[in-house]
């Protein structure tokens, strides 16, 4: 029910039916004044999305404090007292990704490119900064000397590992070129061997038919050459653009994973005929809504720890992770009404299958990202 003023006239403005209450019994329209203020329009917007008149907050309270309770209420038909799960999913996911894209920006991800020389030098400089901070806490000259030697050894190890890795990669590339001069190219190597797609196609035509790349390998190699030529001079821009495209595909990835997880749950509870596929989907919709709320809290705690540099906040992060795991187990036990041992077994199997499924989805969307760039 909206908070707009009710009309004195008792006829429906939509279908002209005679009214006996606030709503029309024919078409369902509310009998309110058609003229609306700006504040009324804004409040109506928030009301339609979240039912801020109390239903949103009461539903959220039950969602957090009673795992599995809301999907159980939904399949029993007791729905009027709670915000509809689809509406709540849309609102919570929109809020989550709005904050998520603010916190995780492509520029920050691009800065994590440890393959560049600059960032490699930054890692060595970070060791120097950490050494200087640690030295201020030392009370004796012997402790200070030991600390200096420890950081010097760590810095030397970083440099040595970097050199070894570069030598190993160069050696492997030369050995492969000598031993397999006509072997098939891979996604990540095509751009190193060919500067243009035309060169790659010509090289493929020169090979024997059985040595030529397949349809997918050819498509991948050509795309890799195109990407390499476009971002050859700026690897960070490539990482930034790829991260930006991939991050904005995450809502679609999660939305696609939901019916897939419901199918996995259907397989786990295939003997329970009272649970239809849609009811498994309702269970996961509520679980996803809780996950959005949980992740916002978790990311906030991480941000607090990084801002305040208080190590003890890490214990709160660990407690949240344990609580999130327990919540899913408890929700399964409440909703499906099985014993602890069987619920734990299916909880383990669900996570195993879900991990495999989400990895496949990540690979699919990552590949799609490369072709969308």
Protein backbone atom coordinates (compact mmCIF):
# COMPACT_ATOMS: atom_id res chain seq x y z
CA UNK A 1 0.00 0.00 0.00
CA UNK A 2 1.30 3.43 -0.95
CA UNK A 3 1.21 6.47 1.32
CA UNK A 4 -0.65 8.67 -1.19
CA UNK A 5 -3.95 10.29 -0.29
CA UNK A 6 -7.05 8.19 -0.98
CA UNK A 7 -9.71 9.65 -3.26
CA UNK A 8 -13.11 10.52 -1.80
CA UNK A 9 -14.84 9.24 -4.94
CA UNK A 10 -15.58 5.53 -4.86
CA UNK A 11 -15.09 4.67 -8.51
CA UNK A 12 -11.98 3.13 -10.09
CA UNK A 13 -10.14 5.54 -12.39
CA UNK A 14 -8.82 2.59 -14.40
CA UNK A 15 -11.98 0.51 -15.08
CA UNK A 16 -14.73 2.71 -13.54
CA UNK A 17 -15.93 -0.10 -11.25
CA UNK A 18 -17.68 0.76 -7.99
CA UNK A 19 -15.34 0.50 -4.99
CA UNK A 20 -15.91 -0.66 -1.44
CA UNK A 21 -12.34 -0.25 -0.23
CA UNK A 22 -8.97 1.26 -1.13
CA UNK A 23 -8.35 -1.21 -3.98
CA UNK A 24 -10.45 -2.13 -6.98
CA UNK A 25 -11.75 -5.71 -6.82
CA UNK A 26 -11.75 -5.87 -10.66
CA UNK A 27 -8.34 -4.60 -11.77
CA UNK A 28 -6.56 -4.13 -8.42
CA UNK A 29 -5.66 -0.46 -8.87
CA UNK A 30 -5.35 1.62 -5.72
CA UNK A 31 -7.89 4.44 -5.38
CA UNK A 32 -5.52 7.35 -4.75
CA UNK A 33 -5.24 10.91 -6.05
CA UNK A 34 -3.70 10.86 -9.57
CA UNK A 35 -1.60 13.98 -8.94
CA UNK A 36 1.66 13.10 -7.22
CA UNK A 37 4.35 15.22 -5.59
CA UNK A 38 8.08 14.84 -6.22
CA UNK A 39 8.55 13.34 -2.75
CA UNK A 40 5.66 10.99 -3.39
CA UNK A 41 7.27 9.85 -6.64
CA UNK A 42 10.65 9.25 -4.96
CA UNK A 43 9.12 7.39 -2.00
CA UNK A 44 7.02 5.34 -4.41
CA UNK A 45 10.20 4.36 -6.27
CA UNK A 46 11.93 3.10 -3.11
CA UNK A 47 8.74 1.45 -1.94
CA UNK A 48 8.33 -0.52 -5.16
CA UNK A 49 11.94 -1.71 -5.07
CA UNK A 50 12.39 -2.52 -1.42
CA UNK A 51 9.14 -2.04 0.50
CA UNK A 52 10.92 0.31 2.90
CA UNK A 53 7.74 0.45 4.94
CA UNK A 54 9.19 -2.38 7.02
CA UNK A 55 8.90 -5.46 4.82
CA UNK A 56 12.44 -5.13 3.47
CA UNK A 57 14.04 -4.86 6.91
CA UNK A 58 11.93 -7.60 8.46
CA UNK A 59 12.77 -9.94 5.57
CA UNK A 60 16.47 -9.11 5.92
CA UNK A 61 16.30 -9.82 9.66
CA UNK A 62 14.85 -13.29 9.09
CA UNK A 63 17.28 -13.91 6.24
CA UNK A 64 20.31 -13.30 8.48
CA UNK A 65 19.10 -14.73 11.78
CA UNK A 66 17.20 -17.78 10.51
CA UNK A 67 19.09 -19.61 7.72
CA UNK A 68 16.72 -21.53 5.46
CA UNK A 69 13.60 -20.08 7.06
CA UNK A 70 12.52 -17.75 4.23
CA UNK A 71 12.65 -20.32 1.39
CA UNK A 72 10.75 -22.68 3.67
CA UNK A 73 8.07 -20.04 4.23
CA UNK A 74 7.90 -19.35 0.50
CA UNK A 75 7.19 -22.93 -0.56
CA UNK A 76 4.57 -23.19 2.18
CA UNK A 77 2.75 -20.26 0.60
CA UNK A 78 3.32 -17.78 3.43
CA UNK A 79 4.61 -14.91 1.27
CA UNK A 80 2.63 -11.73 1.96
CA UNK A 81 4.63 -10.86 5.10
CA UNK A 82 7.97 -10.93 3.28
CA UNK A 83 9.57 -9.13 0.36
CA UNK A 84 9.41 -11.21 -2.81
CA UNK A 85 12.74 -13.04 -3.36
CA UNK A 86 13.11 -11.87 -6.97
CA UNK A 87 12.60 -8.22 -6.03
CA UNK A 88 14.99 -8.57 -3.11
CA UNK A 89 17.59 -10.29 -5.33
CA UNK A 90 17.45 -7.49 -7.90
CA UNK A 91 17.83 -4.79 -5.24
CA UNK A 92 20.58 -6.54 -3.24
CA UNK A 93 22.60 -7.49 -6.34
CA UNK A 94 22.34 -3.95 -7.73
CA UNK A 95 23.53 -2.49 -4.42
CA UNK A 96 26.31 -5.07 -4.13
CA UNK A 97 27.75 -4.50 -7.60
CA UNK A 98 27.44 -0.74 -7.25
CA UNK A 99 29.71 -0.89 -4.20
CA UNK A 100 31.83 -3.71 -5.67
CA UNK A 101 32.71 -1.71 -8.81
CA UNK A 102 33.59 1.24 -6.58
CA UNK A 103 36.00 -0.83 -4.48
CA UNK A 104 37.52 -3.02 -7.22
CA UNK A 105 38.56 -0.81 -10.09
CA UNK A 106 40.39 -2.04 -13.22
CA UNK A 107 43.23 0.43 -12.53
CA UNK A 108 43.93 -1.27 -9.19
CA UNK A 109 44.03 -4.67 -10.87
CA UNK A 110 46.35 -3.38 -13.58
CA UNK A 111 48.77 -2.23 -10.90
CA UNK A 112 49.16 -5.85 -9.87
CA UNK A 113 50.98 -6.73 -13.10
CA UNK A 114 54.08 -8.31 -11.60
CA UNK A 115 55.39 -9.20 -15.03
CA UNK A 116 56.60 -5.66 -15.73
CA UNK A 117 60.02 -4.44 -14.71
CA UNK A 118 58.58 -1.42 -12.90
CA UNK A 119 56.37 -3.47 -10.63
CA UNK A 120 59.22 -5.88 -10.02
CA UNK A 121 61.30 -2.96 -8.79
CA UNK A 122 58.33 -1.80 -6.72
CA UNK A 123 58.34 -5.16 -4.91
CA UNK A 124 61.98 -4.70 -4.02
CA UNK A 125 61.30 -1.17 -2.83
CA UNK A 126 58.47 -2.43 -0.65
CA UNK A 127 60.97 -4.69 1.11
CA UNK A 128 63.17 -1.65 1.79
CA UNK A 129 60.21 0.27 3.22
CA UNK A 130 59.22 -2.69 5.40
CA UNK A 131 62.82 -2.97 6.61
CA UNK A 132 62.92 0.70 7.63
CA UNK A 133 59.65 0.33 9.56
CA UNK A 134 60.84 -2.83 11.31
CA UNK A 135 64.16 -1.22 12.29
CA UNK A 136 62.32 1.46 14.26
CA UNK A 137 60.97 -1.23 16.56
CA UNK A 138 64.38 -2.77 17.28
CA UNK A 139 65.84 -2.00 20.70
CA UNK A 140 69.42 -3.25 20.35
CA UNK A 141 72.05 -2.94 17.64
CA UNK A 142 72.30 -6.75 17.41
CA UNK A 143 68.58 -7.03 16.64
CA UNK A 144 68.87 -4.24 14.08
CA UNK A 145 71.79 -5.96 12.36
CA UNK A 146 69.91 -9.25 12.25
CA UNK A 147 66.87 -7.50 10.79
CA UNK A 148 68.97 -5.78 8.10
CA UNK A 149 70.57 -9.09 7.12
CA UNK A 150 67.18 -10.81 6.95
CA UNK A 151 65.70 -8.21 4.64
CA UNK A 152 68.84 -8.18 2.50
CA UNK A 153 68.53 -11.95 2.06
CA UNK A 154 64.83 -11.63 1.17
CA UNK A 155 65.57 -8.94 -1.42
CA UNK A 156 68.37 -11.01 -2.92
CA UNK A 157 66.03 -13.99 -3.15
CA UNK A 158 63.38 -11.92 -4.95
CA UNK A 159 65.95 -10.76 -7.50
CA UNK A 160 67.37 -14.28 -7.93
CA UNK A 161 63.93 -15.79 -8.45
CA UNK A 162 63.13 -13.15 -11.04
CA UNK A 163 66.32 -13.86 -12.97
CA UNK A 164 65.83 -17.65 -12.77
CA UNK A 165 62.28 -17.36 -14.03
CA UNK A 166 63.34 -15.23 -16.99
CA UNK A 167 66.20 -17.61 -17.89
CA UNK A 168 63.89 -20.63 -17.63
CA UNK A 169 61.27 -19.10 -19.91
CA UNK A 170 63.85 -18.05 -22.50
CA UNK A 171 65.44 -21.51 -22.46
CA UNK A 172 62.12 -23.30 -22.85
CA UNK A 173 61.18 -21.06 -25.76
CA UNK A 174 64.48 -21.79 -27.57
CA UNK A 175 64.31 -25.54 -26.93
CA UNK A 176 60.75 -25.77 -28.25
CA UNK A 177 61.69 -23.80 -31.35
CA UNK A 178 64.59 -26.19 -32.12
CA UNK A 179 62.83 -29.47 -31.33
CA UNK A 180 59.45 -28.62 -32.86
CA UNK A 181 59.91 -26.16 -35.70
CA UNK A 182 56.58 -27.10 -37.30
CA UNK A 183 54.51 -27.82 -34.21
CA UNK A 184 51.09 -26.29 -33.64
CA UNK A 185 50.89 -22.94 -31.92
CA UNK A 186 48.96 -22.26 -28.75
CA UNK A 187 46.78 -19.36 -27.64
CA UNK A 188 49.59 -17.63 -25.76
CA UNK A 189 52.39 -18.30 -28.26
CA UNK A 190 50.87 -17.37 -31.60
CA UNK A 191 51.53 -13.66 -31.18
CA UNK A 192 55.20 -14.35 -30.36
CA UNK A 193 55.74 -16.22 -33.63
CA UNK A 194 53.63 -14.13 -36.02
CA UNK A 195 53.14 -10.39 -36.33
CA UNK A 196 49.96 -10.53 -38.41
CA UNK A 197 47.04 -12.87 -38.92
CA UNK A 198 48.05 -13.19 -42.58
CA UNK A 199 51.46 -14.56 -41.56
CA UNK A 200 49.80 -17.11 -39.30
CA UNK A 201 47.36 -18.21 -42.01
CA UNK A 202 50.19 -18.57 -44.53
CA UNK A 203 52.21 -20.65 -42.09
CA UNK A 204 49.19 -22.88 -41.46
CA UNK A 205 48.70 -23.44 -45.19
CA UNK A 206 52.36 -24.47 -45.51
CA UNK A 207 51.93 -27.26 -42.92
CA UNK A 208 50.74 -30.74 -43.67
CA UNK A 209 46.96 -31.07 -43.07
CA UNK A 210 47.41 -33.26 -40.00
CA UNK A 211 49.68 -30.65 -38.39
CA UNK A 212 47.38 -27.68 -38.91
CA UNK A 213 45.47 -26.15 -36.02
CA UNK A 214 41.84 -27.04 -35.56
CA UNK A 215 38.93 -24.59 -35.86
CA UNK A 216 39.10 -23.39 -32.28
CA UNK A 217 42.90 -23.22 -32.20
CA UNK A 218 42.90 -21.09 -35.37
CA UNK A 219 40.25 -18.75 -34.00
CA UNK A 220 42.11 -18.41 -30.68
CA UNK A 221 45.48 -17.85 -32.34
CA UNK A 222 44.12 -15.15 -34.64
CA UNK A 223 42.45 -13.38 -31.74
CA UNK A 224 45.65 -13.56 -29.71
CA UNK A 225 47.63 -11.95 -32.53
CA UNK A 226 45.06 -9.16 -32.82
CA UNK A 227 45.14 -8.49 -29.07
CA UNK A 228 48.93 -8.58 -28.99
CA UNK A 229 49.19 -6.07 -31.83
CA UNK A 230 46.63 -3.75 -30.26
CA UNK A 231 48.19 -3.67 -26.78
CA UNK A 232 51.81 -4.55 -27.55
CA UNK A 233 53.08 -1.18 -26.33
CA UNK A 234 50.92 -0.99 -23.22
CA UNK A 235 50.44 -4.24 -21.31
CA UNK A 236 48.85 -2.44 -18.38
CA UNK A 237 46.14 -1.00 -20.59
CA UNK A 238 45.39 -4.50 -21.83
CA UNK A 239 45.07 -5.78 -18.24
CA UNK A 240 42.93 -2.77 -17.31
CA UNK A 241 40.60 -3.14 -20.30
CA UNK A 242 40.31 -6.88 -19.83
CA UNK A 243 39.62 -6.50 -16.10
CA UNK A 244 37.01 -3.83 -16.75
CA UNK A 245 35.19 -6.02 -19.29
CA UNK A 246 35.39 -9.13 -17.13
CA UNK A 247 34.27 -7.40 -13.93
CA UNK A 248 31.18 -6.04 -15.65
CA UNK A 249 30.32 -9.55 -16.78
CA UNK A 250 30.29 -10.89 -13.21
CA UNK A 251 26.57 -10.12 -12.67
CA UNK A 252 25.76 -12.29 -15.69
CA UNK A 253 28.10 -15.00 -14.44
CA UNK A 254 26.41 -15.11 -11.04
CA UNK A 255 22.95 -15.00 -12.57
CA UNK A 256 23.83 -17.93 -14.84
CA UNK A 257 25.35 -19.88 -11.97
CA UNK A 258 22.12 -19.74 -9.95
CA UNK A 259 20.03 -22.14 -12.10
CA UNK A 260 23.11 -24.31 -12.50
CA UNK A 261 23.52 -24.64 -8.73
CA UNK A 262 19.80 -25.36 -8.42
CA UNK A 263 20.30 -28.25 -10.85
CA UNK A 264 23.17 -29.58 -8.73
CA UNK A 265 20.96 -29.42 -5.66
CA UNK A 266 18.22 -31.23 -7.56
CA UNK A 267 20.71 -34.03 -8.28
CA UNK A 268 21.73 -34.22 -4.62
CA UNK A 269 18.12 -34.43 -3.45
CA UNK A 270 16.70 -36.42 -6.37
CA UNK A 271 14.91 -38.81 -3.97
CA UNK A 272 13.03 -35.96 -2.30
CA UNK A 273 10.11 -35.69 -4.71
CA UNK A 274 8.47 -32.90 -2.69
CA UNK A 275 11.19 -30.49 -3.84
CA UNK A 276 10.79 -29.33 -7.42
CA UNK A 277 13.54 -27.67 -9.42
CA UNK A 278 12.02 -24.20 -8.89
CA UNK A 279 12.07 -24.68 -5.12
CA UNK A 280 15.80 -25.42 -5.25
CA UNK A 281 16.11 -22.19 -7.22
CA UNK A 282 14.21 -20.26 -4.53
CA UNK A 283 16.60 -21.66 -1.92
CA UNK A 284 19.59 -20.38 -3.88
CA UNK A 285 18.01 -16.99 -4.54
CA UNK A 286 17.80 -16.40 -0.80
CA UNK A 287 21.30 -17.81 -0.36
CA UNK A 288 22.64 -15.43 -3.00
CA UNK A 289 20.91 -12.48 -1.31
CA UNK A 290 22.60 -13.41 1.96
CA UNK A 291 25.92 -13.77 0.12
CA UNK A 292 25.62 -10.23 -1.27
CA UNK A 293 25.02 -8.86 2.22
CA UNK A 294 27.78 -11.02 3.69
CA UNK A 295 30.35 -9.94 1.07
CA UNK A 296 29.58 -6.27 1.61
CA UNK A 297 30.27 -6.75 5.32
CA UNK A 298 33.39 -8.82 4.63
CA UNK A 299 34.83 -6.29 2.17
CA UNK A 300 34.13 -3.51 4.68
CA UNK A 301 36.10 -5.36 7.37
CA UNK A 302 39.01 -5.88 4.94
CA UNK A 303 38.96 -2.18 4.08
CA UNK A 304 38.92 -1.32 7.78
CA UNK A 305 41.93 -3.54 8.45
CA UNK A 306 43.90 -2.08 5.55
CA UNK A 307 43.05 1.47 6.59
CA UNK A 308 43.75 1.12 10.30
CA UNK A 309 46.62 -1.43 10.00
CA UNK A 310 45.19 -3.35 12.94
CA UNK A 311 46.18 -7.00 12.63
CA UNK A 312 43.58 -8.24 15.10
CA UNK A 313 40.83 -7.36 12.60
CA UNK A 314 42.04 -10.37 10.63
CA UNK A 315 40.42 -12.54 13.31
CA UNK A 316 37.09 -10.92 12.49
CA UNK A 317 37.62 -11.79 8.83
CA UNK A 318 38.30 -15.42 9.76
CA UNK A 319 35.21 -15.51 11.98
CA UNK A 320 33.09 -14.13 9.15
CA UNK A 321 34.33 -16.80 6.76
CA UNK A 322 33.54 -19.56 9.26
CA UNK A 323 30.15 -18.00 9.91
CA UNK A 324 29.38 -17.83 6.20
CA UNK A 325 30.23 -21.51 5.76
CA UNK A 326 28.11 -22.47 8.75
CA UNK A 327 25.21 -20.38 7.45
CA UNK A 328 25.02 -22.39 4.21
CA UNK A 329 25.14 -25.70 6.11
CA UNK A 330 22.45 -24.52 8.55
CA UNK A 331 20.25 -23.26 5.71
CA UNK A 332 20.46 -26.63 3.97
CA UNK A 333 19.60 -28.50 7.15
CA UNK A 334 16.63 -26.23 7.93
CA UNK A 335 15.21 -26.24 4.43
CA UNK A 336 15.73 -29.90 3.47
CA UNK A 337 15.24 -31.30 7.00
CA UNK A 338 17.94 -33.96 7.02
CA UNK A 339 20.30 -35.04 9.79
CA UNK A 340 23.69 -33.54 10.49
CA UNK A 341 25.76 -36.29 8.87
CA UNK A 342 23.76 -36.41 5.63
CA UNK A 343 23.60 -32.62 5.41
CA UNK A 344 27.37 -32.36 5.92
CA UNK A 345 27.97 -34.96 3.21
CA UNK A 346 25.73 -33.17 0.72
CA UNK A 347 27.19 -29.82 1.76
CA UNK A 348 30.65 -31.15 0.89
CA UNK A 349 29.47 -32.64 -2.41
CA UNK A 350 27.65 -29.43 -3.31
CA UNK A 351 30.77 -27.33 -2.73
CA UNK A 352 32.86 -29.78 -4.75
CA UNK A 353 30.49 -29.70 -7.72
CA UNK A 354 29.87 -25.97 -7.38
CA UNK A 355 33.61 -25.25 -7.45
CA UNK A 356 33.99 -27.18 -10.67
CA UNK A 357 30.95 -25.44 -12.16
CA UNK A 358 32.11 -21.94 -11.22
CA UNK A 359 35.60 -22.62 -12.62
CA UNK A 360 34.02 -23.67 -15.93
CA UNK A 361 31.89 -20.52 -15.93
CA UNK A 362 34.93 -18.37 -15.18
CA UNK A 363 36.81 -19.95 -18.09
CA UNK A 364 33.83 -19.41 -20.39
CA UNK A 365 33.35 -15.76 -19.40
CA UNK A 366 37.11 -15.09 -19.46
CA UNK A 367 37.27 -16.45 -23.01
CA UNK A 368 34.21 -14.40 -23.90
CA UNK A 369 35.95 -11.36 -22.46
CA UNK A 370 38.94 -11.85 -24.75
CA UNK A 371 36.66 -11.96 -27.77
CA UNK A 372 34.71 -8.89 -26.64
CA UNK A 373 37.77 -6.66 -26.27
